[in-house]
Amino acid sequence: MNRSRRPGRSRRSRRKPPIPFRQRGGKPVTETDGASSNAAAKTGSPVVMVVAWLWVAVPFLYGVYQLAEKSSKLFE
């Protein structure tokens, strides 16, 4: 009789947690270093954000307008 392994079990050993990348000079990167750099990347100029939204919203709304205009002719 052949016994199968229990489901969900793997024969491979578990992976070790990754070693954090090191910055120049050999200083290990910590979670606080990453959080401060991400916080700086998230904040941006409100003007750039408005321009980016307009860059996407104007063509999208034009497409929705064209879709509504052309689809209304189908139901006449």
C-alpha atoms as a PDB file:
ATOM      1  CA  MET A   1       0.000   0.000   0.000  1.00  0.00           C
ATOM      2  CA  ASN A   2       1.390   3.381  -0.984  1.00  0.00           C
ATOM      3  CA  ARG A   3       0.791   6.131   1.519  1.00  0.00           C
ATOM      4  CA  SER A   4       0.660   9.610   0.096  1.00  0.00           C
ATOM      5  CA  ARG A   5       1.963  12.635   1.880  1.00  0.00           C
ATOM      6  CA  ARG A   6      -0.365  14.861   3.819  1.00  0.00           C
ATOM      7  CA  PRO A   7      -1.839  17.606   1.622  1.00  0.00           C
ATOM      8  CA  GLY A   8      -0.175  20.968   1.923  1.00  0.00           C
ATOM      9  CA  ARG A   9       3.169  19.550   3.032  1.00  0.00           C
ATOM     10  CA  SER A  10       6.254  19.986   0.920  1.00  0.00           C
ATOM     11  CA  ARG A  11       9.463  18.012   1.020  1.00  0.00           C
ATOM     12  CA  ARG A  12      11.497  21.131   0.354  1.00  0.00           C
ATOM     13  CA  SER A  13      12.966  22.938   3.300  1.00  0.00           C
ATOM     14  CA  ARG A  14      11.586  26.321   4.162  1.00  0.00           C
ATOM     15  CA  ARG A  15      13.280  29.323   2.638  1.00  0.00           C
ATOM     16  CA  LYS A  16      15.360  31.582   4.794  1.00  0.00           C
ATOM     17  CA  PRO A  17      14.168  35.182   5.099  1.00  0.00           C
ATOM     18  CA  PRO A  18      15.899  37.435   2.572  1.00  0.00           C
ATOM     19  CA  ILE A  19      18.916  39.428   3.674  1.00  0.00           C
ATOM     20  CA  PRO A  20      18.176  43.157   3.317  1.00  0.00           C
ATOM     21  CA  PHE A  21      20.004  44.973   0.562  1.00  0.00           C
ATOM     22  CA  ARG A  22      22.828  47.140   1.712  1.00  0.00           C
ATOM     23  CA  GLN A  23      23.249  50.777   0.883  1.00  0.00           C
ATOM     24  CA  ARG A  24      26.580  52.221  -0.108  1.00  0.00           C
ATOM     25  CA  GLY A  25      29.014  52.032   2.730  1.00  0.00           C
ATOM     26  CA  GLY A  26      27.699  48.700   4.001  1.00  0.00           C
ATOM     27  CA  LYS A  27      24.901  50.118   6.175  1.00  0.00           C
ATOM     28  CA  PRO A  28      21.931  47.712   6.186  1.00  0.00           C
ATOM     29  CA  VAL A  29      18.615  49.132   5.065  1.00  0.00           C
ATOM     30  CA  THR A  30      16.036  49.125   7.842  1.00  0.00           C
ATOM     31  CA  GLU A  31      12.266  49.417   7.711  1.00  0.00           C
ATOM     32  CA  THR A  32      12.428  53.012   8.901  1.00  0.00           C
ATOM     33  CA  ASP A  33      14.801  53.929   6.047  1.00  0.00           C
ATOM     34  CA  GLY A  34      12.340  52.561   3.488  1.00  0.00           C
ATOM     35  CA  ALA A  35       9.363  54.270   5.097  1.00  0.00           C
ATOM     36  CA  SER A  36      10.981  57.697   5.018  1.00  0.00           C
ATOM     37  CA  SER A  37      11.989  57.357   1.376  1.00  0.00           C
ATOM     38  CA  ASN A  38       8.505  56.101   0.412  1.00  0.00           C
ATOM     39  CA  ALA A  39       6.848  58.987   2.241  1.00  0.00           C
ATOM     40  CA  ALA A  40       8.920  61.460   0.250  1.00  0.00           C
ATOM     41  CA  ALA A  41       8.000  59.726  -3.006  1.00  0.00           C
ATOM     42  CA  LYS A  42       4.266  59.800  -2.207  1.00  0.00           C
ATOM     43  CA  THR A  43       4.068  63.526  -1.677  1.00  0.00           C
ATOM     44  CA  GLY A  44       4.002  65.535  -4.859  1.00  0.00           C
ATOM     45  CA  SER A  45       2.972  68.865  -6.211  1.00  0.00           C
ATOM     46  CA  PRO A  46      -0.815  69.352  -6.324  1.00  0.00           C
ATOM     47  CA  VAL A  47      -0.435  71.027  -9.711  1.00  0.00           C
ATOM     48  CA  VAL A  48       1.216  67.914 -11.161  1.00  0.00           C
ATOM     49  CA  MET A  49      -1.548  65.759  -9.721  1.00  0.00           C
ATOM     50  CA  VAL A  50      -4.282  67.927 -11.255  1.00  0.00           C
ATOM     51  CA  VAL A  51      -2.546  67.906 -14.646  1.00  0.00           C
ATOM     52  CA  ALA A  52      -2.170  64.114 -14.459  1.00  0.00           C
ATOM     53  CA  TRP A  53      -5.855  63.649 -13.632  1.00  0.00           C
ATOM     54  CA  LEU A  54      -6.878  65.968 -16.460  1.00  0.00           C
ATOM     55  CA  TRP A  55      -4.542  64.133 -18.835  1.00  0.00           C
ATOM     56  CA  VAL A  56      -6.537  60.966 -18.163  1.00  0.00           C
ATOM     57  CA  ALA A  57     -10.020  62.340 -17.448  1.00  0.00           C
ATOM     58  CA  VAL A  58     -10.498  64.558 -20.510  1.00  0.00           C
ATOM     59  CA  PRO A  59      -9.967  61.817 -23.135  1.00  0.00           C
ATOM     60  CA  PHE A  60     -11.970  59.370 -21.024  1.00  0.00           C
ATOM     61  CA  LEU A  61     -14.944  61.727 -20.767  1.00  0.00           C
ATOM     62  CA  TYR A  62     -14.730  62.492 -24.491  1.00  0.00           C
ATOM     63  CA  GLY A  63     -14.857  58.763 -25.195  1.00  0.00           C
ATOM     64  CA  VAL A  64     -17.870  58.311 -22.918  1.00  0.00           C
ATOM     65  CA  TYR A  65     -19.598  61.223 -24.689  1.00  0.00           C
ATOM     66  CA  GLN A  66     -18.913  59.697 -28.114  1.00  0.00           C
ATOM     67  CA  LEU A  67     -20.137  56.298 -26.908  1.00  0.00           C
ATOM     68  CA  ALA A  68     -23.383  57.789 -25.586  1.00  0.00           C
ATOM     69  CA  GLU A  69     -23.922  59.798 -28.771  1.00  0.00           C
ATOM     70  CA  LYS A  70     -23.384  56.829 -31.090  1.00  0.00           C
ATOM     71  CA  SER A  71     -25.254  54.317 -28.952  1.00  0.00           C
ATOM     72  CA  SER A  72     -28.305  56.620 -28.759  1.00  0.00           C
ATOM     73  CA  LYS A  73     -28.594  56.358 -32.572  1.00  0.00           C
ATOM     74  CA  LEU A  74     -28.915  52.578 -32.236  1.00  0.00           C
ATOM     75  CA  PHE A  75     -32.019  52.897 -30.072  1.00  0.00           C
ATOM     76  CA  GLU A  76     -33.906  55.443 -32.194  1.00  0.00           C
END
